[in-house]
């Protein structure tokens, strides 16, 4: 992967590429990209954990939540997961749906990785009352109404990296020297970056570095253009504009995860390392509203799970056997809602199109 990147840098007129181009290659190159290659990425043998990998409670609860509200919202039994990982969330969601609703569910998956598709298909063995559809983009699903869901999707979007020094906003590019990838800092010339700062009313402090997710807008625009009525639920970690300005975040949030170790230098191990940055929640909200995908609510993941009824999932009795399924399930539920648990690092953003005031009746 590093050699591929060096060749692309050499072929570019300026002998450098943006961080967004670097991330697109390192994560999504059709042969050597991190998310495309056949290797385990989630769990103990991978590089990171997700909520759905901790327990099937997470997926089942969201499946039940949609089963409860789809009819009230006038939505068909149609669900789309964008980036379905190893398929464990999908399996749990379908089971949760089937627990409360006997309508046949259409479950669409937008997935670029053949390896992940193979893992997902293995999870679907034995599932009933569901039609599984695969597509390369949301537009290709043909879904016009329903619920669109993603878990840790936007944090993996390619981003541009900028910083302010000597009163000038500059962009960091990626070049190479003596076989090693390196940063090259030049003044910003991309009008889209300037427009992002203007639209978001964002002003950097001297010495501050931040990531700019220009890929948000075309993605959200496409979602809204193909959705006539429904919800988009985003689970991810990120900051509001005010939180971005905290001194502790002055060096931005771009980082890599390699074998459960965090690395600030994401130019190491391209194709072998997950690369991520925190989501601009205010940008997600404002860009959504620009394209009629209106903001409904943002809440921390543990608050969302509590409101969605996770306590009802706790077994009514204590099982003295710590290895029983009931005990394991209860421990998983507690890990999702107790202070210091994984859910306190994530937020749930709900946006709606074509639902008027009914979307406010979700809890």
Protein backbone atom coordinates (compact mmCIF):
# COMPACT_ATOMS: atom_id res chain seq x y z
CA UNK A 1 0.00 0.00 0.00
CA UNK A 2 2.81 2.41 0.82
CA UNK A 3 4.38 1.82 -2.60
CA UNK A 4 1.03 2.42 -4.33
CA UNK A 5 0.68 5.72 -2.45
CA UNK A 6 4.22 6.78 -3.35
CA UNK A 7 3.53 6.08 -7.03
CA UNK A 8 0.33 8.17 -6.93
CA UNK A 9 2.21 11.00 -5.20
CA UNK A 10 4.92 10.90 -7.89
CA UNK A 11 2.27 11.00 -10.61
CA UNK A 12 0.59 14.10 -9.15
CA UNK A 13 1.60 17.52 -10.55
CA UNK A 14 2.51 18.89 -7.11
CA UNK A 15 4.17 15.65 -5.90
CA UNK A 16 1.75 15.50 -2.98
CA UNK A 17 -1.81 14.42 -2.21
CA UNK A 18 -4.33 15.64 0.38
CA UNK A 19 -4.99 13.68 3.54
CA UNK A 20 -8.44 12.94 2.12
CA UNK A 21 -6.85 11.28 -0.92
CA UNK A 22 -4.41 9.43 1.33
CA UNK A 23 -7.23 8.10 3.53
CA UNK A 24 -9.30 7.08 0.52
CA UNK A 25 -6.37 4.99 -0.70
CA UNK A 26 -5.31 3.58 2.67
CA UNK A 27 -8.84 2.60 3.69
CA UNK A 28 -10.68 1.87 0.44
CA UNK A 29 -8.17 0.93 -2.28
CA UNK A 30 -9.84 -1.96 -4.19
CA UNK A 31 -7.03 -4.44 -3.43
CA UNK A 32 -4.94 -3.12 -0.55
CA UNK A 33 -7.35 -0.85 1.36
CA UNK A 34 -7.78 -1.55 5.07
CA UNK A 35 -11.55 -2.05 4.90
CA UNK A 36 -11.37 -4.10 1.70
CA UNK A 37 -8.70 -6.66 2.56
CA UNK A 38 -9.53 -10.05 4.03
CA UNK A 39 -8.46 -9.61 7.62
CA UNK A 40 -10.26 -9.40 10.92
CA UNK A 41 -10.72 -5.79 12.01
CA UNK A 42 -13.24 -5.92 14.86
CA UNK A 43 -12.81 -7.62 18.24
CA UNK A 44 -9.92 -9.12 20.15
CA UNK A 45 -8.03 -10.22 17.04
CA UNK A 46 -8.69 -6.97 15.21
CA UNK A 47 -7.90 -3.31 15.81
CA UNK A 48 -11.03 -1.95 17.55
CA UNK A 49 -14.38 -2.81 19.16
CA UNK A 50 -17.91 -1.63 18.35
CA UNK A 51 -21.07 -1.70 20.47
CA UNK A 52 -22.57 -4.50 18.37
CA UNK A 53 -19.44 -6.58 18.94
CA UNK A 54 -19.88 -6.30 22.72
CA UNK A 55 -23.32 -7.94 22.67
CA UNK A 56 -26.30 -8.66 20.43
CA UNK A 57 -28.38 -6.57 22.86
CA UNK A 58 -27.45 -3.40 20.96
CA UNK A 59 -28.75 -4.60 17.59
CA UNK A 60 -31.80 -6.36 19.00
CA UNK A 61 -32.89 -3.28 20.92
CA UNK A 62 -32.67 -1.06 17.83
CA UNK A 63 -34.59 -3.70 15.86
CA UNK A 64 -37.34 -3.64 18.49
CA UNK A 65 -37.27 0.17 18.59
CA UNK A 66 -37.90 0.35 14.84
CA UNK A 67 -40.55 -2.38 15.07
CA UNK A 68 -42.40 -0.30 17.68
CA UNK A 69 -42.27 2.97 15.78
CA UNK A 70 -42.36 2.11 12.06
CA UNK A 71 -46.16 1.85 11.88
CA UNK A 72 -46.72 4.97 13.99
CA UNK A 73 -44.44 6.88 11.65
CA UNK A 74 -46.13 5.44 8.58
CA UNK A 75 -42.91 3.77 7.43
CA UNK A 76 -42.70 0.45 5.58
CA UNK A 77 -40.67 -2.45 7.02
CA UNK A 78 -37.55 -1.29 5.19
CA UNK A 79 -34.15 -0.80 6.80
CA UNK A 80 -30.78 0.11 5.33
CA UNK A 81 -27.46 -0.33 7.11
CA UNK A 82 -24.54 1.51 5.54
CA UNK A 83 -21.30 -0.30 6.30
CA UNK A 84 -22.43 -3.49 8.04
CA UNK A 85 -19.04 -4.73 9.24
CA UNK A 86 -19.07 -8.37 10.31
CA UNK A 87 -22.88 -8.62 10.14
CA UNK A 88 -23.50 -9.17 13.85
CA UNK A 89 -25.56 -6.01 14.20
CA UNK A 90 -27.68 -6.99 11.18
CA UNK A 91 -28.42 -10.45 12.58
CA UNK A 92 -29.35 -9.04 16.00
CA UNK A 93 -31.51 -6.28 14.46
CA UNK A 94 -33.47 -8.80 12.39
CA UNK A 95 -34.02 -10.98 15.47
CA UNK A 96 -35.21 -7.96 17.44
CA UNK A 97 -37.59 -6.96 14.64
CA UNK A 98 -39.01 -10.48 14.45
CA UNK A 99 -39.61 -10.52 18.20
CA UNK A 100 -42.17 -7.71 17.88
CA UNK A 101 -43.32 -7.54 14.26
CA UNK A 102 -44.45 -10.33 11.95
CA UNK A 103 -44.21 -8.19 8.79
CA UNK A 104 -41.48 -9.33 6.44
CA UNK A 105 -38.52 -7.00 6.76
CA UNK A 106 -36.46 -5.75 3.82
CA UNK A 107 -32.88 -5.32 5.05
CA UNK A 108 -30.63 -3.43 2.64
CA UNK A 109 -26.87 -3.37 3.13
CA UNK A 110 -24.56 -0.86 1.47
CA UNK A 111 -21.18 -2.58 1.55
CA UNK A 112 -18.05 -2.09 -0.55
CA UNK A 113 -15.97 -4.92 0.91
CA UNK A 114 -16.35 -8.44 -0.58
CA UNK A 115 -14.71 -9.79 2.58
CA UNK A 116 -17.30 -8.15 4.83
CA UNK A 117 -20.12 -9.34 2.57
CA UNK A 118 -18.89 -12.89 3.08
CA UNK A 119 -18.89 -12.46 6.87
CA UNK A 120 -22.35 -10.92 6.78
CA UNK A 121 -23.86 -13.67 4.65
CA UNK A 122 -22.62 -16.26 7.17
CA UNK A 123 -24.50 -14.41 9.93
CA UNK A 124 -27.78 -14.58 8.00
CA UNK A 125 -27.98 -18.38 7.95
CA UNK A 126 -31.25 -19.52 9.52
CA UNK A 127 -32.86 -16.08 9.68
CA UNK A 128 -36.50 -15.96 8.64
CA UNK A 129 -39.04 -13.33 7.64
CA UNK A 130 -36.43 -11.12 5.99
CA UNK A 131 -35.27 -10.21 2.51
CA UNK A 132 -31.59 -9.25 2.30
CA UNK A 133 -30.51 -6.85 -0.46
CA UNK A 134 -26.98 -5.67 -1.25
CA UNK A 135 -25.97 -2.47 -3.02
CA UNK A 136 -22.88 -0.37 -3.61
CA UNK A 137 -24.64 2.93 -2.74
CA UNK A 138 -27.87 3.92 -1.04
CA UNK A 139 -29.24 5.09 -4.39
CA UNK A 140 -28.72 1.58 -5.75
CA UNK A 141 -30.92 0.01 -3.05
CA UNK A 142 -34.04 1.57 -4.59
CA UNK A 143 -35.29 2.22 -1.06
CA UNK A 144 -37.44 5.36 -0.86
CA UNK A 145 -38.92 5.05 2.64
CA UNK A 146 -37.72 3.53 5.89
CA UNK A 147 -34.82 3.79 8.34
CA UNK A 148 -31.18 4.37 7.34
CA UNK A 149 -28.66 3.38 9.99
CA UNK A 150 -24.90 3.60 10.42
CA UNK A 151 -22.57 2.76 13.28
CA UNK A 152 -19.11 4.33 13.12
CA UNK A 153 -19.44 5.28 9.48
CA UNK A 154 -18.81 9.02 9.34
CA UNK A 155 -15.66 8.80 11.49
CA UNK A 156 -14.05 6.80 8.65
CA UNK A 157 -14.82 9.38 5.96
CA UNK A 158 -11.71 10.84 4.29
CA UNK A 159 -10.93 14.30 5.67
CA UNK A 160 -8.74 17.24 4.77
CA UNK A 161 -6.37 18.39 7.51
CA UNK A 162 -5.82 22.11 8.12
CA UNK A 163 -4.08 24.19 10.76
CA UNK A 164 -3.63 27.86 11.55
CA UNK A 165 -0.12 29.23 11.90
CA UNK A 166 1.07 32.85 11.81
CA UNK A 167 -2.56 33.84 11.23
CA UNK A 168 -2.81 31.82 7.99
CA UNK A 169 -4.94 28.70 7.51
CA UNK A 170 -2.84 26.05 5.81
CA UNK A 171 -3.56 22.54 4.59
CA UNK A 172 -1.43 19.50 5.37
CA UNK A 173 -0.66 17.29 2.36
CA UNK A 174 1.14 13.96 2.12
CA UNK A 175 4.40 13.62 0.18
CA UNK A 176 7.39 11.34 0.53
CA UNK A 177 11.13 11.60 0.96
CA UNK A 178 13.69 8.78 0.95
CA UNK A 179 10.90 6.23 0.79
CA UNK A 180 9.07 7.62 3.85
CA UNK A 181 5.73 9.40 3.78
CA UNK A 182 5.80 12.91 5.23
CA UNK A 183 3.62 16.00 5.67
CA UNK A 184 3.88 19.06 3.46
CA UNK A 185 2.13 22.22 4.75
CA UNK A 186 0.92 24.85 2.27
CA UNK A 187 -1.67 27.68 2.39
CA UNK A 188 -5.25 26.58 1.69
CA UNK A 189 -6.26 26.95 -1.96
CA UNK A 190 -9.35 24.72 -1.99
CA UNK A 191 -12.43 26.96 -2.06
CA UNK A 192 -14.52 24.15 -0.56
CA UNK A 193 -12.47 24.30 2.63
CA UNK A 194 -12.90 28.07 2.84
CA UNK A 195 -16.66 27.65 2.28
CA UNK A 196 -16.83 25.02 5.04
CA UNK A 197 -15.33 27.47 7.54
CA UNK A 198 -17.78 30.15 6.43
CA UNK A 199 -20.86 27.90 6.48
CA UNK A 200 -19.99 26.40 9.86
CA UNK A 201 -18.93 29.78 11.31
CA UNK A 202 -15.71 28.09 12.39
CA UNK A 203 -12.68 30.11 13.46
CA UNK A 204 -9.43 28.36 14.35
CA UNK A 205 -7.19 29.52 17.17
CA UNK A 206 -3.52 30.12 16.47
CA UNK A 207 -1.76 26.77 16.35
CA UNK A 208 -4.99 24.78 16.10
CA UNK A 209 -5.34 21.81 13.75
CA UNK A 210 -8.66 20.32 12.65
CA UNK A 211 -10.09 17.88 10.13
CA UNK A 212 -12.52 19.05 7.44
CA UNK A 213 -15.02 16.42 6.18
CA UNK A 214 -15.80 17.69 2.70
CA UNK A 215 -17.16 14.23 1.82
CA UNK A 216 -20.15 14.77 4.15
CA UNK A 217 -22.08 17.01 1.78
CA UNK A 218 -22.21 14.87 -1.39
CA UNK A 219 -23.02 11.79 0.71
CA UNK A 220 -25.89 13.44 2.63
CA UNK A 221 -27.16 15.10 -0.54
CA UNK A 222 -27.38 11.70 -2.22
CA UNK A 223 -29.17 10.15 0.76
CA UNK A 224 -31.80 12.90 0.79
CA UNK A 225 -32.20 12.85 -2.99
CA UNK A 226 -33.19 9.17 -2.86
CA UNK A 227 -35.20 9.16 0.39
CA UNK A 228 -38.73 10.51 0.27
CA UNK A 229 -39.80 9.61 3.81
CA UNK A 230 -37.83 8.18 6.68
CA UNK A 231 -35.24 8.45 9.41
CA UNK A 232 -31.47 8.51 9.35
CA UNK A 233 -29.91 7.33 12.61
CA UNK A 234 -26.18 7.90 13.01
CA UNK A 235 -24.18 6.35 15.86
CA UNK A 236 -20.68 7.78 16.13
CA UNK A 237 -18.21 9.71 18.24
CA UNK A 238 -17.58 13.37 17.61
CA UNK A 239 -17.75 16.96 18.79
CA UNK A 240 -20.00 19.96 18.48
CA UNK A 241 -18.47 23.20 17.22
CA UNK A 242 -18.10 24.42 20.80
CA UNK A 243 -16.38 21.19 21.86
CA UNK A 244 -13.94 21.44 18.96
CA UNK A 245 -12.72 24.74 20.41
CA UNK A 246 -11.62 23.19 23.73
CA UNK A 247 -7.83 23.58 24.21
CA UNK A 248 -7.42 19.81 24.63
CA UNK A 249 -8.50 19.35 20.99
CA UNK A 250 -6.19 21.93 19.44
CA UNK A 251 -4.24 19.22 17.56
CA UNK A 252 -7.33 17.71 15.98
CA UNK A 253 -8.60 14.15 16.24
CA UNK A 254 -7.04 12.26 13.33
CA UNK A 255 -5.57 8.99 14.58
CA UNK A 256 -5.00 5.39 13.66
CA UNK A 257 -5.73 2.12 15.44
CA UNK A 258 -3.39 -0.80 14.89
CA UNK A 259 -3.75 -3.95 16.99
CA UNK A 260 -5.74 -2.01 19.64
CA UNK A 261 -3.00 0.60 19.96
CA UNK A 262 -3.70 4.24 19.12
CA UNK A 263 -1.25 6.06 16.83
CA UNK A 264 -1.24 9.80 16.13
CA UNK A 265 0.97 9.31 13.06
CA UNK A 266 -1.46 7.86 10.52
CA UNK A 267 1.19 7.78 7.79
CA UNK A 268 2.53 4.56 9.29
CA UNK A 269 1.11 1.16 8.26
CA UNK A 270 -1.21 2.36 5.44
CA UNK A 271 -3.60 -0.44 4.54
CA UNK A 272 -2.93 -2.15 7.88
CA UNK A 273 -4.30 0.53 10.21
CA UNK A 274 -7.78 1.86 10.80
CA UNK A 275 -7.76 5.66 10.35
CA UNK A 276 -10.43 7.77 11.96
CA UNK A 277 -11.38 11.29 13.02
CA UNK A 278 -14.15 12.64 15.22
CA UNK A 279 -17.36 13.65 13.51
CA UNK A 280 -18.40 17.30 13.15
CA UNK A 281 -21.90 16.93 14.60
CA UNK A 282 -22.95 20.50 13.82
CA UNK A 283 -21.89 20.01 10.20
CA UNK A 284 -23.88 16.77 10.02
CA UNK A 285 -26.91 18.65 11.31
CA UNK A 286 -26.57 21.76 9.12
CA UNK A 287 -25.76 19.90 5.91
CA UNK A 288 -28.72 17.58 6.57
CA UNK A 289 -31.07 20.53 6.96
CA UNK A 290 -29.69 22.05 3.76
CA UNK A 291 -30.99 18.98 1.93
CA UNK A 292 -34.30 18.54 3.85
CA UNK A 293 -32.93 15.87 6.18
CA UNK A 294 -34.03 17.67 9.31
CA UNK A 295 -32.49 17.35 12.73
CA UNK A 296 -34.69 15.61 15.32
CA UNK A 297 -32.49 14.78 18.27
CA UNK A 298 -28.95 14.13 19.46
CA UNK A 299 -28.34 12.12 22.60
CA UNK A 300 -25.55 10.11 24.14
CA UNK A 301 -25.74 6.43 23.26
CA UNK A 302 -26.47 5.28 26.81
CA UNK A 303 -29.30 7.83 27.04
CA UNK A 304 -30.70 6.60 23.73
CA UNK A 305 -30.56 2.97 24.87
CA UNK A 306 -32.29 3.83 28.14
CA UNK A 307 -35.03 5.73 26.30
CA UNK A 308 -35.40 2.84 23.84
CA UNK A 309 -36.07 0.42 26.71
CA UNK A 310 -32.81 -1.39 27.40
CA UNK A 311 -33.73 -1.88 31.06
CA UNK A 312 -36.67 -4.00 29.93
CA UNK A 313 -34.11 -6.36 28.43
CA UNK A 314 -32.61 -7.16 31.83
CA UNK A 315 -33.60 -10.58 33.08
CA UNK A 316 -36.24 -10.33 35.79
CA UNK A 317 -34.31 -12.62 38.12
CA UNK A 318 -30.69 -12.97 39.13
CA UNK A 319 -29.08 -16.18 37.94
CA UNK A 320 -26.43 -17.39 40.39
CA UNK A 321 -24.54 -19.00 37.52
CA UNK A 322 -22.21 -16.28 36.17
CA UNK A 323 -21.76 -18.23 32.93
CA UNK A 324 -25.45 -18.55 32.12
CA UNK A 325 -26.87 -16.74 29.09
CA UNK A 326 -29.02 -14.55 31.36
CA UNK A 327 -25.99 -13.47 33.40
CA UNK A 328 -23.91 -12.78 30.29
CA UNK A 329 -26.75 -10.74 28.81
CA UNK A 330 -27.20 -8.71 31.98
CA UNK A 331 -23.48 -7.96 32.14
CA UNK A 332 -23.55 -6.83 28.51
CA UNK A 333 -26.51 -4.53 29.20
CA UNK A 334 -24.74 -3.00 32.18
CA UNK A 335 -21.57 -2.47 30.12
CA UNK A 336 -23.64 -0.46 27.63
CA UNK A 337 -25.25 1.87 30.18
CA UNK A 338 -22.98 2.17 33.23
CA UNK A 339 -20.75 5.26 33.67
CA UNK A 340 -17.39 4.78 32.00
CA UNK A 341 -18.76 2.22 29.55
CA UNK A 342 -18.46 2.27 25.77
CA UNK A 343 -21.77 4.14 25.27
CA UNK A 344 -20.51 7.31 26.92
CA UNK A 345 -18.09 7.81 24.04
CA UNK A 346 -20.81 7.73 21.40
CA UNK A 347 -23.74 9.90 20.36
CA UNK A 348 -26.88 9.03 18.45
CA UNK A 349 -28.05 11.61 15.91
CA UNK A 350 -31.56 11.26 14.50
CA UNK A 351 -32.57 13.10 11.32
CA UNK A 352 -35.84 12.83 9.40
CA UNK A 353 -37.32 13.57 6.02
CA UNK A 354 -41.02 13.79 5.17
CA UNK A 355 -42.19 13.02 8.71
CA UNK A 356 -43.25 16.51 9.81
CA UNK A 357 -43.88 16.48 13.57
CA UNK A 358 -44.34 12.72 13.98
CA UNK A 359 -40.58 12.13 14.28
CA UNK A 360 -40.67 13.86 17.65
CA UNK A 361 -42.73 10.99 19.10
CA UNK A 362 -39.94 8.43 19.13
CA UNK A 363 -39.55 8.14 22.90
